[in-house]
Amino acid sequence: MTTHTAPEFGPPIRRIFRDVIADRVKGPHPPQAAMLFAPEADPFWKDDSGFLGDFYNDILHQDTCRPDTAAGVPLLAALACDDRVPARQRFNAVELLFCAATVAERKSAGCWPRTPPHADPDSEHRARKAVQSCTPDLLSRWPVECPAVRLALASLAVVFPTARTLPALTARLRGVVEQHPRGTDIGDHARFVLVLATRDDRQILPAVEAFTDVYWKGTARGAPTRARALHLLGQMLDRVESTLRRAHPAP
């Protein structure tokens, strides 16, 4: 597929995505990029909402990793790093990266003690490694990002904790906690991430139990603490996304 000869038409958000991917993703594009450059690949070519749903689902299919999920990760990373992409879609890209990196643990917590249906350990492992490789570049955008995208980045940071990122994350989130009280989506998310940054199950487990009363879908107490925490964090991201969607309707 030759991307530089692609016709310049389609809805605005697709044009933005196409320009970003053409500029940032060099070499052969993964199969999901066909929805950006080939009208025949997408029945929703002139419908932004249909395009976005199908594009994201083509990378992470109904929150399930497939063999080509890892190949689509660079597309999401490129979109999340470019200011031409609106804040809501940058958030969606980072959130989807979080979901791809945590599928195995979140699904395990949700199905415990059963084996999650449609599990694909090899695809899940490759997707996680692909997300991990792009996380440092994503976290470097913290100073220029809006509060909602920062929360999504904070979620990635605690998925892949390092001796460098955790202290920085703790310092950065203190300001968020001071501005957003308990009981708000942003405030609760930031407080929970700070607990996860301790990496101490003696603190994390009580926090999971307490916040589960607010974020409606609990997990079995016998499931691993980290898996339960990531399951809950995913729900918190969904709530933040809902807030962002109300503040910034899709173009």
Protein backbone atom coordinates (compact mmCIF):
# COMPACT_ATOMS: atom_id res chain seq x y z
CA MET A 1 0.00 0.00 0.00
CA THR A 2 1.46 3.38 -1.03
CA THR A 3 0.25 5.93 1.48
CA HIS A 4 1.55 9.10 -0.18
CA THR A 5 -0.81 8.70 -3.17
CA ALA A 6 -3.92 8.17 -1.02
CA PRO A 7 -6.86 10.41 -2.01
CA GLU A 8 -7.36 13.44 0.25
CA PHE A 9 -10.96 12.97 1.30
CA GLY A 10 -12.91 11.54 4.18
CA PRO A 11 -14.21 13.12 7.40
CA PRO A 12 -12.02 15.60 9.33
CA ILE A 13 -10.92 13.27 12.12
CA ARG A 14 -9.88 10.60 9.63
CA ARG A 15 -7.85 13.18 7.71
CA ILE A 16 -6.11 14.17 10.94
CA PHE A 17 -5.36 10.55 11.79
CA ARG A 18 -4.13 9.88 8.26
CA ASP A 19 -1.79 12.88 8.30
CA VAL A 20 -0.38 11.94 11.71
CA ILE A 21 0.21 8.31 10.78
CA ALA A 22 1.77 9.25 7.43
CA ASP A 23 4.16 11.61 9.24
CA ARG A 24 5.00 9.48 12.27
CA VAL A 25 4.77 5.80 11.28
CA LYS A 26 7.42 5.05 8.70
CA GLY A 27 7.82 1.86 6.71
CA PRO A 28 5.05 -0.65 6.01
CA HIS A 29 1.88 0.25 7.87
CA PRO A 30 0.04 -2.34 9.95
CA PRO A 31 -3.25 -3.70 8.55
CA GLN A 32 -5.40 -1.39 10.70
CA ALA A 33 -4.04 1.61 8.76
CA ALA A 34 -6.11 0.55 5.74
CA MET A 35 -9.07 2.30 7.37
CA LEU A 36 -7.15 5.57 7.03
CA PHE A 37 -5.93 5.26 3.46
CA ALA A 38 -8.32 2.95 1.59
CA PRO A 39 -12.01 3.95 1.28
CA GLU A 40 -12.95 0.43 0.22
CA ALA A 41 -11.66 -0.91 3.55
CA ASP A 42 -14.24 0.96 5.63
CA PRO A 43 -18.02 1.06 5.07
CA PHE A 44 -18.17 4.11 7.37
CA TRP A 45 -15.77 6.22 5.30
CA LYS A 46 -17.92 9.36 5.62
CA ASP A 47 -19.05 8.82 9.22
CA ASP A 48 -16.68 9.97 11.98
CA SER A 49 -18.38 8.06 14.78
CA GLY A 50 -18.56 4.85 12.78
CA PHE A 51 -14.95 5.23 11.71
CA LEU A 52 -13.62 5.81 15.21
CA GLY A 53 -15.43 2.83 16.70
CA ASP A 54 -14.32 0.50 13.94
CA PHE A 55 -10.74 1.80 13.91
CA TYR A 56 -10.28 1.29 17.64
CA ASN A 57 -12.04 -2.07 17.53
CA ASP A 58 -9.80 -3.19 14.67
CA ILE A 59 -6.81 -2.79 16.98
CA LEU A 60 -8.29 -4.14 20.22
CA HIS A 61 -11.30 -6.21 19.25
CA GLN A 62 -13.99 -5.91 21.93
CA ASP A 63 -11.30 -5.61 24.60
CA THR A 64 -9.64 -8.79 23.39
CA CYS A 65 -6.14 -9.07 21.95
CA ARG A 66 -5.71 -10.69 18.57
CA PRO A 67 -2.52 -11.64 16.69
CA ASP A 68 -2.33 -8.22 14.99
CA THR A 69 -3.10 -6.12 18.09
CA ALA A 70 0.59 -5.51 18.81
CA ALA A 71 1.10 -4.31 15.24
CA GLY A 72 -1.57 -1.65 15.77
CA VAL A 73 0.03 -0.26 18.94
CA PRO A 74 2.38 2.14 17.05
CA LEU A 75 -0.68 3.72 15.41
CA LEU A 76 -2.19 4.51 18.81
CA ALA A 77 1.13 5.74 20.17
CA ALA A 78 1.58 8.09 17.21
CA LEU A 79 -1.92 9.52 17.64
CA ALA A 80 -1.41 9.99 21.39
CA CYS A 81 1.81 11.97 20.80
CA ASP A 82 0.55 14.48 18.25
CA ASP A 83 -1.12 17.80 19.08
CA ARG A 84 -3.05 17.74 15.82
CA VAL A 85 -5.20 15.03 17.38
CA PRO A 86 -7.96 16.48 19.61
CA ALA A 87 -7.66 15.87 23.36
CA ARG A 88 -10.56 13.44 23.45
CA GLN A 89 -8.98 11.22 20.79
CA ARG A 90 -5.55 11.45 22.45
CA PHE A 91 -7.22 10.23 25.62
CA ASN A 92 -8.91 7.41 23.71
CA ALA A 93 -5.57 6.35 22.24
CA VAL A 94 -3.84 6.22 25.63
CA GLU A 95 -6.81 4.49 27.23
CA LEU A 96 -6.76 1.84 24.50
CA LEU A 97 -3.03 1.33 25.07
CA PHE A 98 -3.76 0.82 28.77
CA CYS A 99 -6.48 -1.69 27.88
CA ALA A 100 -4.24 -3.59 25.48
CA ALA A 101 -1.46 -3.79 28.08
CA THR A 102 -3.75 -5.04 30.85
CA VAL A 103 -6.19 -7.34 29.06
CA ALA A 104 -4.89 -10.52 30.66
CA GLU A 105 -4.98 -9.22 34.24
CA ARG A 106 -8.26 -7.33 33.96
CA LYS A 107 -10.05 -10.26 32.34
CA SER A 108 -8.58 -12.66 34.90
CA ALA A 109 -9.94 -10.54 37.75
CA GLY A 110 -13.32 -10.23 36.08
CA CYS A 111 -13.69 -13.98 35.49
CA TRP A 112 -11.92 -15.34 38.56
CA PRO A 113 -11.52 -18.26 39.18
CA ARG A 114 -12.56 -19.23 35.65
CA THR A 115 -10.31 -18.85 32.63
CA PRO A 116 -11.31 -15.78 30.61
CA PRO A 117 -13.07 -16.69 27.36
CA HIS A 118 -11.25 -15.85 24.13
CA ALA A 119 -7.93 -15.48 25.96
CA ASP A 120 -4.89 -15.40 23.68
CA PRO A 121 -1.80 -15.38 25.94
CA ASP A 122 0.70 -14.97 23.11
CA SER A 123 -1.13 -12.01 21.57
CA GLU A 124 -1.65 -10.47 25.00
CA HIS A 125 2.05 -10.77 25.81
CA ARG A 126 3.12 -9.19 22.51
CA ALA A 127 0.62 -6.35 22.90
CA ARG A 128 1.86 -5.66 26.42
CA LYS A 129 5.49 -5.54 25.28
CA ALA A 130 4.56 -3.23 22.40
CA VAL A 131 2.81 -0.81 24.77
CA GLN A 132 5.69 -0.95 27.23
CA SER A 133 8.15 0.05 24.51
CA CYS A 134 6.24 3.24 23.67
CA THR A 135 5.31 4.26 27.23
CA PRO A 136 8.42 6.39 28.00
CA ASP A 137 7.75 8.65 24.99
CA LEU A 138 4.12 8.96 25.99
CA LEU A 139 4.97 9.89 29.58
CA SER A 140 7.34 12.62 28.35
CA ARG A 141 4.26 14.50 27.13
CA TRP A 142 2.93 15.02 30.66
CA PRO A 143 3.81 18.76 30.88
CA VAL A 144 1.84 19.64 27.72
CA GLU A 145 -1.19 17.40 28.25
CA CYS A 146 -4.66 18.24 29.57
CA PRO A 147 -5.79 16.80 32.95
CA ALA A 148 -7.81 13.94 31.45
CA VAL A 149 -4.96 12.70 29.24
CA ARG A 150 -2.59 13.01 32.19
CA LEU A 151 -4.79 10.60 34.14
CA ALA A 152 -4.63 8.12 31.28
CA LEU A 153 -0.85 8.50 31.21
CA ALA A 154 -0.73 8.00 34.98
CA SER A 155 -2.59 4.73 34.50
CA LEU A 156 0.07 3.57 32.03
CA ALA A 157 2.82 4.63 34.42
CA VAL A 158 1.59 2.32 37.19
CA VAL A 159 1.22 -0.55 34.72
CA PHE A 160 4.92 -0.22 33.91
CA PRO A 161 6.44 1.22 37.10
CA THR A 162 10.07 2.21 37.23
CA ALA A 163 12.30 3.78 39.87
CA ARG A 164 12.27 6.97 37.80
CA THR A 165 8.61 7.29 36.84
CA LEU A 166 6.94 6.50 40.17
CA PRO A 167 8.47 9.38 42.20
CA ALA A 168 7.72 11.80 39.34
CA LEU A 169 4.17 10.50 39.12
CA THR A 170 3.60 10.92 42.84
CA ALA A 171 4.77 14.54 42.74
CA ARG A 172 2.66 15.34 39.69
CA LEU A 173 -0.55 13.82 41.03
CA ARG A 174 -0.41 15.62 44.35
CA GLY A 175 -1.53 18.78 42.61
CA VAL A 176 -4.43 16.95 41.00
CA VAL A 177 -5.53 15.58 44.36
CA GLU A 178 -5.43 19.06 45.88
CA GLN A 179 -7.68 20.43 43.14
CA HIS A 180 -10.21 17.58 42.95
CA PRO A 181 -11.94 16.34 46.14
CA ARG A 182 -12.85 12.79 46.99
CA GLY A 183 -15.99 11.60 45.29
CA THR A 184 -15.13 13.19 41.93
CA ASP A 185 -14.09 11.03 38.98
CA ILE A 186 -10.77 12.82 38.51
CA GLY A 187 -10.01 13.08 42.23
CA ASP A 188 -10.77 9.44 42.97
CA HIS A 189 -8.76 8.28 39.96
CA ALA A 190 -5.72 10.30 41.01
CA ARG A 191 -5.93 9.05 44.60
CA PHE A 192 -6.18 5.45 43.48
CA VAL A 193 -3.19 5.80 41.15
CA LEU A 194 -1.18 7.23 44.04
CA VAL A 195 -2.02 4.14 46.08
CA LEU A 196 -1.00 1.87 43.21
CA ALA A 197 2.29 3.76 42.94
CA THR A 198 3.21 2.53 46.43
CA ARG A 199 3.34 -1.04 45.06
CA ASP A 200 2.26 -2.16 48.52
CA ASP A 201 -0.58 -4.70 48.54
CA ARG A 202 -1.32 -3.82 52.17
CA GLN A 203 -2.41 -0.39 50.93
CA ILE A 204 -3.71 -1.37 47.52
CA LEU A 205 -6.14 -4.07 48.64
CA PRO A 206 -8.10 -1.83 51.06
CA ALA A 207 -8.23 0.87 48.38
CA VAL A 208 -9.63 -1.60 45.86
CA GLU A 209 -12.31 -2.62 48.33
CA ALA A 210 -13.21 0.98 49.20
CA PHE A 211 -13.37 2.29 45.65
CA THR A 212 -15.27 -0.76 44.41
CA ASP A 213 -18.25 0.52 46.37
CA VAL A 214 -18.20 3.56 44.07
CA TYR A 215 -17.19 2.00 40.77
CA TRP A 216 -20.03 -0.45 40.38
CA LYS A 217 -18.41 -3.67 39.14
CA GLY A 218 -16.48 -5.58 41.78
CA THR A 219 -14.15 -8.55 41.43
CA ALA A 220 -13.72 -11.76 43.41
CA ARG A 221 -11.69 -11.33 46.59
CA GLY A 222 -9.65 -14.42 45.71
CA ALA A 223 -8.26 -12.82 42.54
CA PRO A 224 -4.72 -11.40 42.62
CA THR A 225 -4.59 -7.90 44.06
CA ARG A 226 -2.85 -6.38 41.04
CA ALA A 227 -5.40 -7.86 38.67
CA ARG A 228 -8.26 -6.51 40.76
CA ALA A 229 -6.60 -3.09 40.92
CA LEU A 230 -6.14 -2.88 37.15
CA HIS A 231 -9.72 -4.02 36.59
CA LEU A 232 -10.91 -1.18 38.82
CA LEU A 233 -8.53 1.33 37.22
CA GLY A 234 -9.98 0.48 33.83
CA GLN A 235 -13.46 1.32 35.10
CA MET A 236 -12.19 4.60 36.50
CA LEU A 237 -10.73 5.49 33.10
CA ASP A 238 -14.12 4.80 31.54
CA ARG A 239 -15.67 7.29 33.95
CA VAL A 240 -13.08 9.94 33.11
CA GLU A 241 -13.70 9.30 29.41
CA SER A 242 -17.40 9.92 29.94
CA THR A 243 -16.59 13.25 31.59
CA LEU A 244 -14.28 14.17 28.72
CA ARG A 245 -16.91 13.19 26.16
CA ARG A 246 -19.43 15.57 27.74
CA ALA A 247 -16.88 18.40 27.84
CA HIS A 248 -15.51 17.78 24.34
CA PRO A 249 -18.16 16.25 22.02
CA ALA A 250 -16.76 14.45 19.00
CA PRO A 251 -16.13 16.84 16.07
